[in-house]
Amino acid sequence: MEREKTISVAKLVACLLIIAGIAILSATILYFLTAPINWISYVGIISGGIMLNIGAAALFLIKKLKLDIKSSH
């Protein structure tokens, strides 16, 4: 039971990281359209990209290592 809870929490965190990464990247792109480019724009792109990649990698590893609840039974 504890393994399933841990995997579901890990999947939830990965999905939230993906959503937050997409939101930060979208906000940064909208900022590009309205304001001149400065160092805050680069911070938004880098942090959004890192969050998106970590979330996608976590989901990929959960599926690749067959830790997913559906595939383990």
PDB file of N, CA and C in Angstrom:
ATOM      1  N   MET A   1       0.817  -1.194   0.000  1.00  0.00           N
ATOM      2  CA  MET A   1       0.000   0.000   0.000  1.00  0.00           C
ATOM      3  C   MET A   1       0.865   1.263   0.000  1.00  0.00           C
ATOM      4  N   GLU A   2       1.962   1.224   0.757  1.00  0.00           N
ATOM      5  CA  GLU A   2       2.804   2.410   0.830  1.00  0.00           C
ATOM      6  C   GLU A   2       3.519   2.676  -0.492  1.00  0.00           C
ATOM      7  N   ARG A   3       3.852   1.612  -1.210  1.00  0.00           N
ATOM      8  CA  ARG A   3       4.513   1.770  -2.507  1.00  0.00           C
ATOM      9  C   ARG A   3       3.603   2.485  -3.496  1.00  0.00           C
ATOM     10  N   GLU A   4       2.329   2.112  -3.504  1.00  0.00           N
ATOM     11  CA  GLU A   4       1.381   2.746  -4.410  1.00  0.00           C
ATOM     12  C   GLU A   4       1.196   4.222  -4.081  1.00  0.00           C
ATOM     13  N   LYS A   5       1.165   4.539  -2.792  1.00  0.00           N
ATOM     14  CA  LYS A   5       1.020   5.947  -2.388  1.00  0.00           C
ATOM     15  C   LYS A   5       2.241   6.756  -2.825  1.00  0.00           C
ATOM     16  N   THR A   6       3.410   6.166  -2.648  1.00  0.00           N
ATOM     17  CA  THR A   6       4.635   6.863  -3.026  1.00  0.00           C
ATOM     18  C   THR A   6       4.696   7.120  -4.520  1.00  0.00           C
ATOM     19  N   ILE A   7       4.316   6.125  -5.293  1.00  0.00           N
ATOM     20  CA  ILE A   7       4.335   6.279  -6.754  1.00  0.00           C
ATOM     21  C   ILE A   7       3.293   7.294  -7.199  1.00  0.00           C
ATOM     22  N   SER A   8       2.117   7.273  -6.596  1.00  0.00           N
ATOM     23  CA  SER A   8       1.093   8.241  -6.995  1.00  0.00           C
ATOM     24  C   SER A   8       1.492   9.664  -6.610  1.00  0.00           C
ATOM     25  N   VAL A   9       2.156   9.840  -5.470  1.00  0.00           N
ATOM     26  CA  VAL A   9       2.631  11.167  -5.091  1.00  0.00           C
ATOM     27  C   VAL A   9       3.732  11.627  -6.042  1.00  0.00           C
ATOM     28  N   ALA A  10       4.627  10.704  -6.431  1.00  0.00           N
ATOM     29  CA  ALA A  10       5.688  11.055  -7.375  1.00  0.00           C
ATOM     30  C   ALA A  10       5.105  11.460  -8.733  1.00  0.00           C
ATOM     31  N   LYS A  11       4.075  10.748  -9.188  1.00  0.00           N
ATOM     32  CA  LYS A  11       3.433  11.118 -10.447  1.00  0.00           C
ATOM     33  C   LYS A  11       2.732  12.460 -10.342  1.00  0.00           C
ATOM     34  N   LEU A  12       2.110  12.732  -9.196  1.00  0.00           N
ATOM     35  CA  LEU A  12       1.437  14.009  -8.992  1.00  0.00           C
ATOM     36  C   LEU A  12       2.442  15.158  -8.991  1.00  0.00           C
ATOM     37  N   VAL A  13       3.562  14.965  -8.311  1.00  0.00           N
ATOM     38  CA  VAL A  13       4.599  16.003  -8.286  1.00  0.00           C
ATOM     39  C   VAL A  13       5.159  16.227  -9.684  1.00  0.00           C
ATOM     40  N   ALA A  14       5.369  15.153 -10.436  1.00  0.00           N
ATOM     41  CA  ALA A  14       5.877  15.290 -11.799  1.00  0.00           C
ATOM     42  C   ALA A  14       4.890  16.053 -12.681  1.00  0.00           C
ATOM     43  N   CYS A  15       3.609  15.750 -12.551  1.00  0.00           N
ATOM     44  CA  CYS A  15       2.595  16.470 -13.339  1.00  0.00           C
ATOM     45  C   CYS A  15       2.529  17.940 -12.945  1.00  0.00           C
ATOM     46  N   LEU A  16       2.634  18.222 -11.659  1.00  0.00           N
ATOM     47  CA  LEU A  16       2.628  19.616 -11.213  1.00  0.00           C
ATOM     48  C   LEU A  16       3.864  20.363 -11.710  1.00  0.00           C
ATOM     49  N   LEU A  17       5.009  19.694 -11.758  1.00  0.00           N
ATOM     50  CA  LEU A  17       6.208  20.318 -12.307  1.00  0.00           C
ATOM     51  C   LEU A  17       6.038  20.645 -13.787  1.00  0.00           C
ATOM     52  N   ILE A  18       5.413  19.742 -14.529  1.00  0.00           N
ATOM     53  CA  ILE A  18       5.176  19.982 -15.948  1.00  0.00           C
ATOM     54  C   ILE A  18       4.233  21.171 -16.133  1.00  0.00           C
ATOM     55  N   ILE A  19       3.161  21.203 -15.359  1.00  0.00           N
ATOM     56  CA  ILE A  19       2.202  22.303 -15.479  1.00  0.00           C
ATOM     57  C   ILE A  19       2.850  23.632 -15.100  1.00  0.00           C
ATOM     58  N   ALA A  20       3.625  23.628 -14.013  1.00  0.00           N
ATOM     59  CA  ALA A  20       4.289  24.866 -13.590  1.00  0.00           C
ATOM     60  C   ALA A  20       5.329  25.307 -14.617  1.00  0.00           C
ATOM     61  N   GLY A  21       6.063  24.364 -15.203  1.00  0.00           N
ATOM     62  CA  GLY A  21       7.042  24.714 -16.228  1.00  0.00           C
ATOM     63  C   GLY A  21       6.399  25.328 -17.453  1.00  0.00           C
ATOM     64  N   ILE A  22       5.283  24.765 -17.877  1.00  0.00           N
ATOM     65  CA  ILE A  22       4.572  25.314 -19.029  1.00  0.00           C
ATOM     66  C   ILE A  22       4.031  26.703 -18.703  1.00  0.00           C
ATOM     67  N   ALA A  23       3.518  26.886 -17.479  1.00  0.00           N
ATOM     68  CA  ALA A  23       2.991  28.195 -17.086  1.00  0.00           C
ATOM     69  C   ALA A  23       4.096  29.252 -17.050  1.00  0.00           C
ATOM     70  N   ILE A  24       5.256  28.898 -16.518  1.00  0.00           N
ATOM     71  CA  ILE A  24       6.360  29.856 -16.462  1.00  0.00           C
ATOM     72  C   ILE A  24       6.861  30.190 -17.861  1.00  0.00           C
ATOM     73  N   LEU A  25       6.979  29.182 -18.713  1.00  0.00           N
ATOM     74  CA  LEU A  25       7.411  29.451 -20.083  1.00  0.00           C
ATOM     75  C   LEU A  25       6.403  30.324 -20.825  1.00  0.00           C
ATOM     76  N   SER A  26       5.106  30.072 -20.623  1.00  0.00           N
ATOM     77  CA  SER A  26       4.080  30.887 -21.280  1.00  0.00           C
ATOM     78  C   SER A  26       4.125  32.329 -20.786  1.00  0.00           C
ATOM     79  N   ALA A  27       4.280  32.494 -19.480  1.00  0.00           N
ATOM     80  CA  ALA A  27       4.355  33.845 -18.934  1.00  0.00           C
ATOM     81  C   ALA A  27       5.585  34.576 -19.449  1.00  0.00           C
ATOM     82  N   THR A  28       6.687  33.866 -19.587  1.00  0.00           N
ATOM     83  CA  THR A  28       7.908  34.493 -20.099  1.00  0.00           C
ATOM     84  C   THR A  28       7.749  34.889 -21.562  1.00  0.00           C
ATOM     85  N   ILE A  29       7.085  34.066 -22.339  1.00  0.00           N
ATOM     86  CA  ILE A  29       6.856  34.407 -23.750  1.00  0.00           C
ATOM     87  C   ILE A  29       5.951  35.636 -23.847  1.00  0.00           C
ATOM     88  N   LEU A  30       4.919  35.684 -23.016  1.00  0.00           N
ATOM     89  CA  LEU A  30       4.057  36.877 -23.011  1.00  0.00           C
ATOM     90  C   LEU A  30       4.833  38.106 -22.558  1.00  0.00           C
ATOM     91  N   TYR A  31       5.751  37.919 -21.632  1.00  0.00           N
ATOM     92  CA  TYR A  31       6.586  39.034 -21.183  1.00  0.00           C
ATOM     93  C   TYR A  31       7.492  39.518 -22.318  1.00  0.00           C
ATOM     94  N   PHE A  32       8.000  38.578 -23.116  1.00  0.00           N
ATOM     95  CA  PHE A  32       8.816  38.945 -24.276  1.00  0.00           C
ATOM     96  C   PHE A  32       8.053  39.835 -25.245  1.00  0.00           C
ATOM     97  N   LEU A  33       6.762  39.565 -25.400  1.00  0.00           N
ATOM     98  CA  LEU A  33       5.955  40.320 -26.356  1.00  0.00           C
ATOM     99  C   LEU A  33       5.663  41.746 -25.898  1.00  0.00           C
ATOM    100  N   THR A  34       5.712  41.976 -24.592  1.00  0.00           N
ATOM    101  CA  THR A  34       5.300  43.287 -24.087  1.00  0.00           C
ATOM    102  C   THR A  34       6.436  44.146 -23.557  1.00  0.00           C
ATOM    103  N   ALA A  35       7.548  43.552 -23.188  1.00  0.00           N
ATOM    104  CA  ALA A  35       8.619  44.322 -22.545  1.00  0.00           C
ATOM    105  C   ALA A  35       9.958  43.998 -23.201  1.00  0.00           C
ATOM    106  N   PRO A  36      10.926  44.869 -23.046  1.00  0.00           N
ATOM    107  CA  PRO A  36      12.258  44.564 -23.577  1.00  0.00           C
ATOM    108  C   PRO A  36      12.909  43.407 -22.810  1.00  0.00           C
ATOM    109  N   ILE A  37      13.781  42.718 -23.481  1.00  0.00           N
ATOM    110  CA  ILE A  37      14.420  41.546 -22.900  1.00  0.00           C
ATOM    111  C   ILE A  37      15.463  41.988 -21.868  1.00  0.00           C
ATOM    112  N   ASN A  38      15.399  41.387 -20.687  1.00  0.00           N
ATOM    113  CA  ASN A  38      16.423  41.618 -19.668  1.00  0.00           C
ATOM    114  C   ASN A  38      16.731  40.295 -18.971  1.00  0.00           C
ATOM    115  N   TRP A  39      17.488  40.337 -17.887  1.00  0.00           N
ATOM    116  CA  TRP A  39      17.947  39.099 -17.256  1.00  0.00           C
ATOM    117  C   TRP A  39      16.816  38.302 -16.631  1.00  0.00           C
ATOM    118  N   ILE A  40      15.715  38.931 -16.245  1.00  0.00           N
ATOM    119  CA  ILE A  40      14.589  38.192 -15.663  1.00  0.00           C
ATOM    120  C   ILE A  40      13.962  37.266 -16.710  1.00  0.00           C
ATOM    121  N   SER A  41      14.003  37.668 -17.955  1.00  0.00           N
ATOM    122  CA  SER A  41      13.471  36.818 -19.016  1.00  0.00           C
ATOM    123  C   SER A  41      14.258  35.526 -19.126  1.00  0.00           C
ATOM    124  N   TYR A  42      15.563  35.628 -19.018  1.00  0.00           N
ATOM    125  CA  TYR A  42      16.391  34.427 -19.098  1.00  0.00           C
ATOM    126  C   TYR A  42      16.178  33.514 -17.893  1.00  0.00           C
ATOM    127  N   VAL A  43      15.973  34.096 -16.731  1.00  0.00           N
ATOM    128  CA  VAL A  43      15.692  33.300 -15.534  1.00  0.00           C
ATOM    129  C   VAL A  43      14.374  32.541 -15.703  1.00  0.00           C
ATOM    130  N   GLY A  44      13.372  33.193 -16.278  1.00  0.00           N
ATOM    131  CA  GLY A  44      12.090  32.530 -16.520  1.00  0.00           C
ATOM    132  C   GLY A  44      12.213  31.385 -17.497  1.00  0.00           C
ATOM    133  N   ILE A  45      12.967  31.585 -18.559  1.00  0.00           N
ATOM    134  CA  ILE A  45      13.137  30.518 -19.545  1.00  0.00           C
ATOM    135  C   ILE A  45      13.899  29.348 -18.945  1.00  0.00           C
ATOM    136  N   ILE A  46      14.968  29.635 -18.229  1.00  0.00           N
ATOM    137  CA  ILE A  46      15.777  28.559 -17.664  1.00  0.00           C
ATOM    138  C   ILE A  46      15.006  27.791 -16.593  1.00  0.00           C
ATOM    139  N   SER A  47      14.360  28.497 -15.680  1.00  0.00           N
ATOM    140  CA  SER A  47      13.636  27.799 -14.605  1.00  0.00           C
ATOM    141  C   SER A  47      12.426  27.034 -15.152  1.00  0.00           C
ATOM    142  N   GLY A  48      11.702  27.606 -16.091  1.00  0.00           N
ATOM    143  CA  GLY A  48      10.571  26.898 -16.690  1.00  0.00           C
ATOM    144  C   GLY A  48      11.008  25.663 -17.448  1.00  0.00           C
ATOM    145  N   GLY A  49      12.097  25.785 -18.185  1.00  0.00           N
ATOM    146  CA  GLY A  49      12.607  24.631 -18.930  1.00  0.00           C
ATOM    147  C   GLY A  49      13.096  23.530 -18.016  1.00  0.00           C
ATOM    148  N   ILE A  50      13.771  23.899 -16.940  1.00  0.00           N
ATOM    149  CA  ILE A  50      14.262  22.888 -15.992  1.00  0.00           C
ATOM    150  C   ILE A  50      13.093  22.173 -15.315  1.00  0.00           C
ATOM    151  N   MET A  51      12.085  22.922 -14.903  1.00  0.00           N
ATOM    152  CA  MET A  51      10.927  22.303 -14.259  1.00  0.00           C
ATOM    153  C   MET A  51      10.196  21.365 -15.218  1.00  0.00           C
ATOM    154  N   LEU A  52      10.038  21.804 -16.444  1.00  0.00           N
ATOM    155  CA  LEU A  52       9.366  20.976 -17.445  1.00  0.00           C
ATOM    156  C   LEU A  52      10.153  19.697 -17.717  1.00  0.00           C
ATOM    157  N   ASN A  53      11.466  19.798 -17.836  1.00  0.00           N
ATOM    158  CA  ASN A  53      12.287  18.623 -18.121  1.00  0.00           C
ATOM    159  C   ASN A  53      12.351  17.662 -16.943  1.00  0.00           C
ATOM    160  N   ILE A  54      12.426  18.168 -15.735  1.00  0.00           N
ATOM    161  CA  ILE A  54      12.455  17.272 -14.572  1.00  0.00           C
ATOM    162  C   ILE A  54      11.134  16.514 -14.445  1.00  0.00           C
ATOM    163  N   GLY A  55      10.018  17.198 -14.646  1.00  0.00           N
ATOM    164  CA  GLY A  55       8.718  16.528 -14.585  1.00  0.00           C
ATOM    165  C   GLY A  55       8.553  15.478 -15.661  1.00  0.00           C
ATOM    166  N   ALA A  56       8.974  15.807 -16.877  1.00  0.00           N
ATOM    167  CA  ALA A  56       8.862  14.840 -17.972  1.00  0.00           C
ATOM    168  C   ALA A  56       9.785  13.653 -17.743  1.00  0.00           C
ATOM    169  N   ALA A  57      10.993  13.896 -17.240  1.00  0.00           N
ATOM    170  CA  ALA A  57      11.927  12.799 -16.969  1.00  0.00           C
ATOM    171  C   ALA A  57      11.398  11.894 -15.856  1.00  0.00           C
ATOM    172  N   ALA A  58      10.778  12.476 -14.845  1.00  0.00           N
ATOM    173  CA  ALA A  58      10.225  11.669 -13.752  1.00  0.00           C
ATOM    174  C   ALA A  58       9.104  10.770 -14.255  1.00  0.00           C
ATOM    175  N   LEU A  59       8.206  11.319 -15.054  1.00  0.00           N
ATOM    176  CA  LEU A  59       7.143  10.482 -15.616  1.00  0.00           C
ATOM    177  C   LEU A  59       7.700   9.394 -16.520  1.00  0.00           C
ATOM    178  N   PHE A  60       8.708   9.745 -17.319  1.00  0.00           N
ATOM    179  CA  PHE A  60       9.327   8.765 -18.198  1.00  0.00           C
ATOM    180  C   PHE A  60       9.969   7.637 -17.397  1.00  0.00           C
ATOM    181  N   LEU A  61      10.673   7.977 -16.324  1.00  0.00           N
ATOM    182  CA  LEU A  61      11.330   6.949 -15.523  1.00  0.00           C
ATOM    183  C   LEU A  61      10.334   6.077 -14.775  1.00  0.00           C
ATOM    184  N   ILE A  62       9.227   6.658 -14.335  1.00  0.00           N
ATOM    185  CA  ILE A  62       8.204   5.854 -13.664  1.00  0.00           C
ATOM    186  C   ILE A  62       7.657   4.810 -14.629  1.00  0.00           C
ATOM    187  N   LYS A  63       7.437   5.206 -15.876  1.00  0.00           N
ATOM    188  CA  LYS A  63       6.929   4.254 -16.865  1.00  0.00           C
ATOM    189  C   LYS A  63       8.016   3.285 -17.320  1.00  0.00           C
ATOM    190  N   LYS A  64       9.236   3.776 -17.511  1.00  0.00           N
ATOM    191  CA  LYS A  64      10.337   2.933 -18.005  1.00  0.00           C
ATOM    192  C   LYS A  64      10.732   1.863 -16.990  1.00  0.00           C
ATOM    193  N   LEU A  65      10.769   2.228 -15.720  1.00  0.00           N
ATOM    194  CA  LEU A  65      11.155   1.277 -14.683  1.00  0.00           C
ATOM    195  C   LEU A  65       9.980   0.418 -14.219  1.00  0.00           C
ATOM    196  N   LYS A  66       8.860   0.577 -14.881  1.00  0.00           N
ATOM    197  CA  LYS A  66       7.643  -0.177 -14.581  1.00  0.00           C
ATOM    198  C   LYS A  66       7.220  -0.017 -13.122  1.00  0.00           C
ATOM    199  N   LEU A  67       7.332   1.206 -12.633  1.00  0.00           N
ATOM    200  CA  LEU A  67       6.886   1.519 -11.279  1.00  0.00           C
ATOM    201  C   LEU A  67       5.426   1.919 -11.268  1.00  0.00           C
ATOM    202  N   ASP A  68       4.866   2.100 -12.444  1.00  0.00           N
ATOM    203  CA  ASP A  68       3.479   2.531 -12.533  1.00  0.00           C
ATOM    204  C   ASP A  68       2.571   1.480 -11.892  1.00  0.00           C
ATOM    205  N   ILE A  69       1.535   1.941 -11.229  1.00  0.00           N
ATOM    206  CA  ILE A  69       0.649   1.036 -10.492  1.00  0.00           C
ATOM    207  C   ILE A  69      -0.056   0.063 -11.442  1.00  0.00           C
ATOM    208  N   LYS A  70      -0.468   0.558 -12.606  1.00  0.00           N
ATOM    209  CA  LYS A  70      -1.196  -0.291 -13.549  1.00  0.00           C
ATOM    210  C   LYS A  70      -0.301  -1.376 -14.142  1.00  0.00           C
ATOM    211  N   SER A  71       0.978  -1.039 -14.415  1.00  0.00           N
ATOM    212  CA  SER A  71       1.861  -2.003 -15.055  1.00  0.00           C
ATOM    213  C   SER A  71       2.514  -2.963 -14.071  1.00  0.00           C
ATOM    214  N   SER A  72       2.411  -2.696 -12.759  1.00  0.00           N
ATOM    215  CA  SER A  72       3.078  -3.561 -11.793  1.00  0.00           C
ATOM    216  C   SER A  72       2.224  -4.777 -11.426  1.00  0.00           C
ATOM    217  N   HIS A  73       0.959  -4.788 -11.813  1.00  0.00           N
ATOM    218  CA  HIS A  73       0.097  -5.929 -11.490  1.00  0.00           C
ATOM    219  C   HIS A  73      -0.152  -6.793 -12.688  1.00  0.00           C
TER     220      HIS A  73
END
